[in-house]
C-alpha atoms as a PDB file:
ATOM      1  CA  MET A   1       9.029 -12.773  -3.083  1.00  0.00           C
ATOM      2  CA  PRO A   2       5.306 -12.337  -2.115  1.00  0.00           C
ATOM      3  CA  ILE A   3       3.751  -9.312  -1.269  1.00  0.00           C
ATOM      4  CA  LEU A   4       2.859  -8.408   2.213  1.00  0.00           C
ATOM      5  CA  GLU A   5      -0.776  -7.509   2.952  1.00  0.00           C
ATOM      6  CA  GLY A   6      -0.717  -3.629   2.767  1.00  0.00           C
ATOM      7  CA  ALA A   7       1.782  -2.950   0.415  1.00  0.00           C
ATOM      8  CA  GLN A   8      -0.270  -3.154  -2.434  1.00  0.00           C
ATOM      9  CA  PRO A   9       0.021   0.138  -4.996  1.00  0.00           C
ATOM     10  CA  PHE A  10      -2.794   2.160  -4.983  1.00  0.00           C
ATOM     11  CA  ALA A  11      -4.270   3.956  -8.314  1.00  0.00           C
ATOM     12  CA  SER A  12      -7.248   5.958  -9.039  1.00  0.00           C
ATOM     13  CA  ASP A  13      -8.154   7.665 -12.044  1.00  0.00           C
ATOM     14  CA  GLY A  14     -10.688  10.722 -12.125  1.00  0.00           C
ATOM     15  CA  ASP A  15     -13.163  12.117 -13.535  1.00  0.00           C
ATOM     16  CA  GLY A  16     -13.590  15.745 -15.185  1.00  0.00           C
ATOM     17  CA  ALA A  17     -11.760  18.353 -14.388  1.00  0.00           C
ATOM     18  CA  ALA A  18     -10.525  17.124 -11.300  1.00  0.00           C
ATOM     19  CA  GLY A  19      -9.450  14.064 -12.329  1.00  0.00           C
ATOM     20  CA  ARG A  20      -7.084  16.057 -15.187  1.00  0.00           C
ATOM     21  CA  ILE A  21      -4.606  16.800 -12.158  1.00  0.00           C
ATOM     22  CA  GLY A  22      -2.720  14.152 -11.392  1.00  0.00           C
ATOM     23  CA  VAL A  23      -0.740  13.637  -8.100  1.00  0.00           C
ATOM     24  CA  VAL A  24       2.115  10.786  -7.568  1.00  0.00           C
ATOM     25  CA  VAL A  25       2.707   9.501  -4.218  1.00  0.00           C
ATOM     26  CA  SER A  26       5.975   8.054  -2.740  1.00  0.00           C
ATOM     27  CA  HIS A  27       6.512   6.324   0.102  1.00  0.00           C
ATOM     28  CA  GLY A  28       9.708   6.170   2.148  1.00  0.00           C
ATOM     29  CA  PHE A  29      12.592   3.834   2.597  1.00  0.00           C
ATOM     30  CA  THR A  30      11.886   0.202   3.886  1.00  0.00           C
ATOM     31  CA  GLY A  31       8.204   1.673   4.311  1.00  0.00           C
ATOM     32  CA  ALA A  32       5.350   0.592   2.314  1.00  0.00           C
ATOM     33  CA  PRO A  33       2.230   2.327   0.459  1.00  0.00           C
ATOM     34  CA  LEU A  34       0.313   1.281   3.331  1.00  0.00           C
ATOM     35  CA  SER A  35       1.863   4.163   5.153  1.00  0.00           C
ATOM     36  CA  MET A  36       0.783   6.859   2.488  1.00  0.00           C
ATOM     37  CA  ARG A  37      -2.776   5.177   1.616  1.00  0.00           C
ATOM     38  CA  PRO A  38      -5.061   7.467   3.355  1.00  0.00           C
ATOM     39  CA  TRP A  39      -2.962  10.312   1.864  1.00  0.00           C
ATOM     40  CA  ALA A  40      -3.695   8.885  -1.490  1.00  0.00           C
ATOM     41  CA  GLU A  41      -7.105   7.724  -0.750  1.00  0.00           C
ATOM     42  CA  HIS A  42      -8.085  11.418   0.431  1.00  0.00           C
ATOM     43  CA  LEU A  43      -6.504  12.780  -3.033  1.00  0.00           C
ATOM     44  CA  ALA A  44      -8.933  10.350  -4.717  1.00  0.00           C
ATOM     45  CA  ALA A  45     -11.852  11.075  -2.882  1.00  0.00           C
ATOM     46  CA  ALA A  46     -11.277  14.638  -4.007  1.00  0.00           C
ATOM     47  CA  GLY A  47     -11.653  13.178  -8.107  1.00  0.00           C
ATOM     48  CA  HIS A  48      -7.927  13.860  -8.753  1.00  0.00           C
ATOM     49  CA  SER A  49      -5.970  10.700 -10.615  1.00  0.00           C
ATOM     50  CA  VAL A  50      -3.169   9.025  -8.213  1.00  0.00           C
ATOM     51  CA  ARG A  51      -0.509   6.869  -8.650  1.00  0.00           C
ATOM     52  CA  LEU A  52       1.188   5.591  -4.808  1.00  0.00           C
ATOM     53  CA  PRO A  53       3.202   2.648  -6.133  1.00  0.00           C
ATOM     54  CA  ARG A  54       5.430  -0.078  -4.648  1.00  0.00           C
ATOM     55  CA  LEU A  55       8.721   1.326  -4.561  1.00  0.00           C
ATOM     56  CA  PRO A  56      11.292  -2.567  -5.785  1.00  0.00           C
ATOM     57  CA  GLY A  57      12.560  -4.247  -2.778  1.00  0.00           C
ATOM     58  CA  HIS A  58       9.789  -2.581  -0.384  1.00  0.00           C
ATOM     59  CA  GLY A  59       6.823  -4.734   1.455  1.00  0.00           C
ATOM     60  CA  THR A  60       8.356  -7.868   0.962  1.00  0.00           C
ATOM     61  CA  SER A  61      11.772  -8.261   2.779  1.00  0.00           C
ATOM     62  CA  TRP A  62      14.445  -6.456   3.614  1.00  0.00           C
ATOM     63  CA  GLN A  63      16.794  -9.024   2.135  1.00  0.00           C
ATOM     64  CA  GLU A  64      15.144  -8.004  -1.102  1.00  0.00           C
ATOM     65  CA  LEU A  65      15.549  -4.205  -0.882  1.00  0.00           C
ATOM     66  CA  ASN A  66      19.218  -5.120   0.093  1.00  0.00           C
ATOM     67  CA  ASP A  67      19.536  -5.892  -3.968  1.00  0.00           C
ATOM     68  CA  THR A  68      18.197  -3.029  -4.985  1.00  0.00           C
ATOM     69  CA  ARG A  69      19.293   0.420  -5.557  1.00  0.00           C
ATOM     70  CA  TRP A  70      17.467   4.252  -5.765  1.00  0.00           C
ATOM     71  CA  PRO A  71      17.909   3.789  -9.433  1.00  0.00           C
ATOM     72  CA  ASP A  72      15.464   1.056  -9.341  1.00  0.00           C
ATOM     73  CA  TRP A  73      13.676   3.184  -6.628  1.00  0.00           C
ATOM     74  CA  TYR A  74      13.283   6.425  -8.995  1.00  0.00           C
ATOM     75  CA  ALA A  75      12.293   4.592 -12.103  1.00  0.00           C
ATOM     76  CA  GLU A  76       9.178   3.123 -10.666  1.00  0.00           C
ATOM     77  CA  ILE A  77       8.708   6.886  -9.358  1.00  0.00           C
ATOM     78  CA  ARG A  78       9.309   8.189 -13.059  1.00  0.00           C
ATOM     79  CA  ARG A  79       6.996   5.436 -14.406  1.00  0.00           C
ATOM     80  CA  ALA A  80       4.201   6.916 -12.172  1.00  0.00           C
ATOM     81  CA  TYR A  81       4.101   9.876 -13.783  1.00  0.00           C
ATOM     82  CA  ASP A  82       4.586   9.009 -17.012  1.00  0.00           C
ATOM     83  CA  GLU A  83       1.159   7.032 -16.398  1.00  0.00           C
ATOM     84  CA  LEU A  84      -0.401  10.377 -15.182  1.00  0.00           C
ATOM     85  CA  ALA A  85       1.023  12.583 -17.582  1.00  0.00           C
ATOM     86  CA  GLU A  86      -0.502  10.830 -20.125  1.00  0.00           C
ATOM     87  CA  ARG A  87      -4.005  11.648 -19.114  1.00  0.00           C
ATOM     88  CA  CYS A  88      -3.657  14.708 -17.080  1.00  0.00           C
ATOM     89  CA  ASP A  89      -2.872  18.136 -17.561  1.00  0.00           C
ATOM     90  CA  THR A  90      -1.328  18.896 -14.702  1.00  0.00           C
ATOM     91  CA  VAL A  91       0.813  16.926 -12.311  1.00  0.00           C
ATOM     92  CA  PHE A  92       1.728  17.262  -8.538  1.00  0.00           C
ATOM     93  CA  ALA A  93       4.161  14.816  -6.685  1.00  0.00           C
ATOM     94  CA  CYS A  94       3.811  13.910  -2.579  1.00  0.00           C
ATOM     95  CA  GLY A  95       6.373  12.137  -0.981  1.00  0.00           C
ATOM     96  CA  LEU A  96       7.306  10.891   2.714  1.00  0.00           C
ATOM     97  CA  SER A  97      10.994  10.762   4.053  1.00  0.00           C
ATOM     98  CA  MET A  98      12.756   9.272   1.296  1.00  0.00           C
ATOM     99  CA  GLY A  99       9.677   9.273  -0.967  1.00  0.00           C
ATOM    100  CA  GLY A 100      10.517  13.503  -0.627  1.00  0.00           C
ATOM    101  CA  THR A 101      13.864  12.641  -1.956  1.00  0.00           C
ATOM    102  CA  LEU A 102      12.745  10.719  -4.911  1.00  0.00           C
ATOM    103  CA  VAL A 103       9.470  13.084  -5.778  1.00  0.00           C
ATOM    104  CA  THR A 104      12.521  16.322  -5.337  1.00  0.00           C
ATOM    105  CA  LYS A 105      14.218  14.553  -7.886  1.00  0.00           C
ATOM    106  CA  LEU A 106      11.485  14.399 -10.468  1.00  0.00           C
ATOM    107  CA  ALA A 107      11.136  17.949 -10.053  1.00  0.00           C
ATOM    108  CA  GLU A 108      14.553  18.490 -10.998  1.00  0.00           C
ATOM    109  CA  ASP A 109      14.760  16.201 -14.048  1.00  0.00           C
ATOM    110  CA  LEU A 110      11.197  17.519 -15.482  1.00  0.00           C
ATOM    111  CA  GLY A 111      10.841  21.192 -14.233  1.00  0.00           C
ATOM    112  CA  GLU A 112       7.604  23.024 -14.993  1.00  0.00           C
ATOM    113  CA  LYS A 113       5.788  19.209 -15.937  1.00  0.00           C
ATOM    114  CA  ILE A 114       5.449  18.885 -12.068  1.00  0.00           C
ATOM    115  CA  VAL A 115       3.844  21.606 -10.721  1.00  0.00           C
ATOM    116  CA  GLY A 116       4.100  21.525  -7.044  1.00  0.00           C
ATOM    117  CA  LEU A 117       5.992  19.893  -4.405  1.00  0.00           C
ATOM    118  CA  VAL A 118       4.082  18.359  -0.868  1.00  0.00           C
ATOM    119  CA  LEU A 119       6.947  16.838   1.483  1.00  0.00           C
ATOM    120  CA  VAL A 120       6.308  15.306   4.642  1.00  0.00           C
ATOM    121  CA  ASN A 121       9.546  14.933   6.640  1.00  0.00           C
ATOM    122  CA  PRO A 122      11.493  15.005   3.280  1.00  0.00           C
ATOM    123  CA  ALA A 123      15.530  13.105   3.778  1.00  0.00           C
ATOM    124  CA  TYR A 124      18.663  15.042   2.256  1.00  0.00           C
ATOM    125  CA  GLY A 125      21.111  13.644   4.590  1.00  0.00           C
ATOM    126  CA  THR A 126      21.710  12.842   8.368  1.00  0.00           C
ATOM    127  CA  LEU A 127      23.946  14.615  11.318  1.00  0.00           C
ATOM    128  CA  ARG A 128      24.068  11.136  12.739  1.00  0.00           C
ATOM    129  CA  LYS A 129      27.668  10.043  13.288  1.00  0.00           C
ATOM    130  CA  ASP A 130      26.948   6.062  12.679  1.00  0.00           C
ATOM    131  CA  ALA A 131      25.710   6.623   9.178  1.00  0.00           C
ATOM    132  CA  ARG A 132      28.981   7.972   8.007  1.00  0.00           C
ATOM    133  CA  PHE A 133      30.307   4.196   8.321  1.00  0.00           C
ATOM    134  CA  ALA A 134      27.654   2.586   6.541  1.00  0.00           C
ATOM    135  CA  ARG A 135      29.778   2.795   3.293  1.00  0.00           C
ATOM    136  CA  TYR A 136      32.304   0.542   4.994  1.00  0.00           C
ATOM    137  CA  LEU A 137      30.289  -1.872   6.814  1.00  0.00           C
ATOM    138  CA  ALA A 138      27.974  -2.550   4.303  1.00  0.00           C
ATOM    139  CA  TRP A 139      29.699  -5.284   2.738  1.00  0.00           C
ATOM    140  CA  ALA A 140      30.388  -6.884   6.315  1.00  0.00           C
ATOM    141  CA  VAL A 141      27.113  -6.219   7.938  1.00  0.00           C
ATOM    142  CA  PRO A 142      23.668  -6.839   5.678  1.00  0.00           C
ATOM    143  CA  SER A 143      21.609  -5.024   7.854  1.00  0.00           C
ATOM    144  CA  ARG A 144      21.216  -2.607  11.346  1.00  0.00           C
ATOM    145  CA  PRO A 145      17.937  -2.087  13.674  1.00  0.00           C
ATOM    146  CA  GLY A 146      15.233  -0.608  11.953  1.00  0.00           C
ATOM    147  CA  ILE A 147      13.664   2.546  11.706  1.00  0.00           C
ATOM    148  CA  ALA A 148       9.644   2.000  11.106  1.00  0.00           C
ATOM    149  CA  SER A 149       6.750   2.879  13.226  1.00  0.00           C
ATOM    150  CA  ASP A 150       8.316   6.588  14.588  1.00  0.00           C
ATOM    151  CA  ILE A 151       4.561   6.913  15.154  1.00  0.00           C
ATOM    152  CA  LYS A 152       3.108   9.070  18.501  1.00  0.00           C
ATOM    153  CA  ARG A 153      -0.597   7.711  18.025  1.00  0.00           C
ATOM    154  CA  PRO A 154      -0.657   5.181  20.486  1.00  0.00           C
ATOM    155  CA  GLY A 155      -2.005   2.041  18.556  1.00  0.00           C
ATOM    156  CA  VAL A 156      -0.795   2.898  15.275  1.00  0.00           C
ATOM    157  CA  ALA A 157       2.131   1.055  13.067  1.00  0.00           C
ATOM    158  CA  GLU A 158       3.507   1.180  10.115  1.00  0.00           C
ATOM    159  CA  LEU A 159       4.286  -1.362   7.997  1.00  0.00           C
ATOM    160  CA  GLY A 160       7.840  -1.279   7.646  1.00  0.00           C
ATOM    161  CA  TYR A 161      11.122  -3.709   7.837  1.00  0.00           C
ATOM    162  CA  ASP A 162      12.522  -4.119  11.591  1.00  0.00           C
ATOM    163  CA  ARG A 163      15.900  -4.305   9.559  1.00  0.00           C
ATOM    164  CA  VAL A 164      17.652  -1.287   7.825  1.00  0.00           C
ATOM    165  CA  PRO A 165      19.621  -2.975   5.264  1.00  0.00           C
ATOM    166  CA  LEU A 166      23.129  -1.179   5.105  1.00  0.00           C
ATOM    167  CA  LYS A 167      23.617  -1.562   0.948  1.00  0.00           C
ATOM    168  CA  ALA A 168      20.623  -0.215   0.039  1.00  0.00           C
ATOM    169  CA  LEU A 169      21.280   2.406   2.737  1.00  0.00           C
ATOM    170  CA  VAL A 170      24.467   3.458   1.082  1.00  0.00           C
ATOM    171  CA  SER A 171      22.733   3.854  -1.997  1.00  0.00           C
ATOM    172  CA  LEU A 172      19.871   6.739  -0.337  1.00  0.00           C
ATOM    173  CA  GLN A 173      22.994   7.986   0.822  1.00  0.00           C
ATOM    174  CA  ASP A 174      23.991   8.066  -3.062  1.00  0.00           C
ATOM    175  CA  LEU A 175      20.893   9.328  -3.932  1.00  0.00           C
ATOM    176  CA  TRP A 176      21.027  12.710  -1.501  1.00  0.00           C
ATOM    177  CA  LYS A 177      24.426  13.188  -3.037  1.00  0.00           C
ATOM    178  CA  VAL A 178      22.574  13.415  -6.469  1.00  0.00           C
ATOM    179  CA  VAL A 179      19.701  15.428  -5.281  1.00  0.00           C
ATOM    180  CA  VAL A 180      21.330  18.269  -3.331  1.00  0.00           C
ATOM    181  CA  PRO A 181      23.235  19.815  -5.862  1.00  0.00           C
ATOM    182  CA  ASP A 182      20.186  20.067  -8.368  1.00  0.00           C
ATOM    183  CA  LEU A 183      18.150  21.474  -5.575  1.00  0.00           C
ATOM    184  CA  PRO A 184      18.388  25.326  -7.197  1.00  0.00           C
ATOM    185  CA  GLU A 185      16.911  23.514 -10.393  1.00  0.00           C
ATOM    186  CA  VAL A 186      13.190  22.905  -8.698  1.00  0.00           C
ATOM    187  CA  ARG A 187      10.689  25.111 -10.260  1.00  0.00           C
ATOM    188  CA  ALA A 188       7.576  23.879  -8.514  1.00  0.00           C
ATOM    189  CA  PRO A 189       6.443  25.897  -5.473  1.00  0.00           C
ATOM    190  CA  ILE A 190       6.938  23.484  -2.588  1.00  0.00           C
ATOM    191  CA  LEU A 191       4.612  22.794   0.628  1.00  0.00           C
ATOM    192  CA  TYR A 192       7.285  21.074   3.533  1.00  0.00           C
ATOM    193  CA  PHE A 193       5.184  19.653   6.346  1.00  0.00           C
ATOM    194  CA  HIS A 194       7.788  19.171   9.283  1.00  0.00           C
ATOM    195  CA  SER A 195       7.269  17.549  12.213  1.00  0.00           C
ATOM    196  CA  THR A 196       8.882  19.048  15.706  1.00  0.00           C
ATOM    197  CA  GLU A 197       9.905  15.911  16.906  1.00  0.00           C
ATOM    198  CA  ASP A 198      11.293  13.092  14.516  1.00  0.00           C
ATOM    199  CA  HIS A 199      13.631  10.217  15.298  1.00  0.00           C
ATOM    200  CA  VAL A 200      14.425   9.614  11.899  1.00  0.00           C
ATOM    201  CA  VAL A 201      15.255  12.465  10.075  1.00  0.00           C
ATOM    202  CA  ASP A 202      17.012  15.343  11.502  1.00  0.00           C
ATOM    203  CA  ALA A 203      17.279  18.748  11.270  1.00  0.00           C
ATOM    204  CA  LEU A 204      19.767  18.816   8.445  1.00  0.00           C
ATOM    205  CA  SER A 205      17.344  17.790   5.880  1.00  0.00           C
ATOM    206  CA  GLY A 206      15.377  20.940   6.460  1.00  0.00           C
ATOM    207  CA  ARG A 207      18.473  22.959   6.106  1.00  0.00           C
ATOM    208  CA  LEU A 208      19.609  21.938   3.308  1.00  0.00           C
ATOM    209  CA  LEU A 209      16.081  22.345   1.470  1.00  0.00           C
ATOM    210  CA  HIS A 210      15.804  25.731   2.575  1.00  0.00           C
ATOM    211  CA  ALA A 211      19.339  26.155   1.754  1.00  0.00           C
ATOM    212  CA  GLY A 212      19.199  24.789  -1.580  1.00  0.00           C
ATOM    213  CA  ALA A 213      15.659  25.227  -3.284  1.00  0.00           C
ATOM    214  CA  THR A 214      16.758  29.031  -4.581  1.00  0.00           C
ATOM    215  CA  GLY A 215      14.650  28.389  -7.534  1.00  0.00           C
ATOM    216  CA  THR A 216      11.306  28.216  -6.191  1.00  0.00           C
ATOM    217  CA  THR A 217       9.370  29.157  -2.600  1.00  0.00           C
ATOM    218  CA  VAL A 218       9.306  26.376  -0.025  1.00  0.00           C
ATOM    219  CA  THR A 219       6.285  27.183   2.753  1.00  0.00           C
ATOM    220  CA  GLU A 220       6.498  25.636   5.906  1.00  0.00           C
ATOM    221  CA  VAL A 221       4.240  23.878   7.895  1.00  0.00           C
ATOM    222  CA  ALA A 222       5.337  22.510  11.625  1.00  0.00           C
ATOM    223  CA  LEU A 223       3.570  19.842  12.491  1.00  0.00           C
ATOM    224  CA  THR A 224       3.503  19.740  16.178  1.00  0.00           C
ATOM    225  CA  ASN A 225       1.353  16.599  17.786  1.00  0.00           C
ATOM    226  CA  SER A 226       3.256  14.126  15.468  1.00  0.00           C
ATOM    227  CA  TYR A 227       6.705  11.927  14.845  1.00  0.00           C
ATOM    228  CA  HIS A 228       7.827  10.977  11.677  1.00  0.00           C
ATOM    229  CA  VAL A 229       5.146   9.170   9.815  1.00  0.00           C
ATOM    230  CA  ALA A 230       3.252  11.900  10.022  1.00  0.00           C
ATOM    231  CA  THR A 231       1.186  10.818   7.502  1.00  0.00           C
ATOM    232  CA  MET A 232      -0.417   8.172   9.709  1.00  0.00           C
ATOM    233  CA  ASP A 233      -0.317  10.123  12.770  1.00  0.00           C
ATOM    234  CA  ASN A 234      -2.078  12.723  14.992  1.00  0.00           C
ATOM    235  CA  ASP A 235      -1.671  15.758  11.821  1.00  0.00           C
ATOM    236  CA  ALA A 236      -2.329  13.722   8.926  1.00  0.00           C
ATOM    237  CA  GLU A 237      -5.785  15.426   8.461  1.00  0.00           C
ATOM    238  CA  GLN A 238      -3.840  18.584   8.174  1.00  0.00           C
ATOM    239  CA  ILE A 239      -1.707  17.128   5.823  1.00  0.00           C
ATOM    240  CA  PHE A 240      -4.221  16.164   3.579  1.00  0.00           C
ATOM    241  CA  THR A 241      -5.897  18.987   3.841  1.00  0.00           C
ATOM    242  CA  GLY A 242      -3.255  21.290   3.410  1.00  0.00           C
ATOM    243  CA  THR A 243      -2.660  19.392  -0.172  1.00  0.00           C
ATOM    244  CA  LEU A 244      -5.747  19.913  -1.486  1.00  0.00           C
ATOM    245  CA  ASP A 245      -5.539  23.550  -0.567  1.00  0.00           C
ATOM    246  CA  PHE A 246      -2.320  23.434  -2.562  1.00  0.00           C
ATOM    247  CA  ILE A 247      -3.452  21.972  -5.577  1.00  0.00           C
ATOM    248  CA  ARG A 248      -6.887  24.101  -5.589  1.00  0.00           C
ATOM    249  CA  GLN A 249      -3.830  26.833  -5.507  1.00  0.00           C
ATOM    250  CA  HIS A 250      -1.357  26.182  -8.186  1.00  0.00           C
ATOM    251  CA  ALA A 251      -3.272  23.638 -10.155  1.00  0.00           C
ATOM    252  CA  ARG A 252      -3.406  24.901 -14.027  1.00  0.00           C
ATOM    253  CA  PRO A 253      -4.717  23.683 -17.478  1.00  0.00           C
ATOM    254  CA  GLY A 254      -1.756  22.655 -19.748  1.00  0.00           C
ATOM    255  CA  VAL A 255       0.853  21.332 -17.858  1.00  0.00           C
ATOM    256  CA  GLY A 256       2.124  17.850 -17.260  1.00  0.00           C
ATOM    257  CA  ASN A 257       1.544  16.508 -20.941  1.00  0.00           C
END
């Protein structure tokens, strides 16, 4: 299946001390690396080593995504971490929406090897009533209307599918069931960016994060001028500079290998 323009992964290896700090960056469900590319490039410009993979089934067609499941997506994030860990002393992880879910699981699995998490509107559940029926409809209804490009800034569009594949959505819900009970296992400090108006991820996810992440600190920053895809929206620069400040605050040598 051909990869759509803008869906290509991004990788950069930094030099010197900054290059010994690695950052895994993950896009969200039905999205593509394009939504995270400005963030990843900002981190690379600061000298850090960065991996922004294309998750399986993304950046091609929603039909292909419907043939993948959350272990496929997570395996790509784990591969990106392993690649960085070979060259870096310290590894952070950043994610948008489902990307936030995936890097949270990475921190649950790897403990102190992940030094910090930066999450933008991460998804851990939903209050939407229609979502609870997805499991029963998925075998008869292949897709529903898409969720891409929830962006406040005029003239900006995300590279994402116009349909949500239901079998893949059910697998995302299964991922939530795995990640949420293990939130107390996260030891990495969390910087949590939250759009005050988000039409994709509802308030339940934030409540689950605060209630579950009892083994670490969660610093919440409200984004008042962006919708869900805040990495491409009006508050993007706040995310980028805030991430670099967070890395400077928490980076320490000898962690990540």
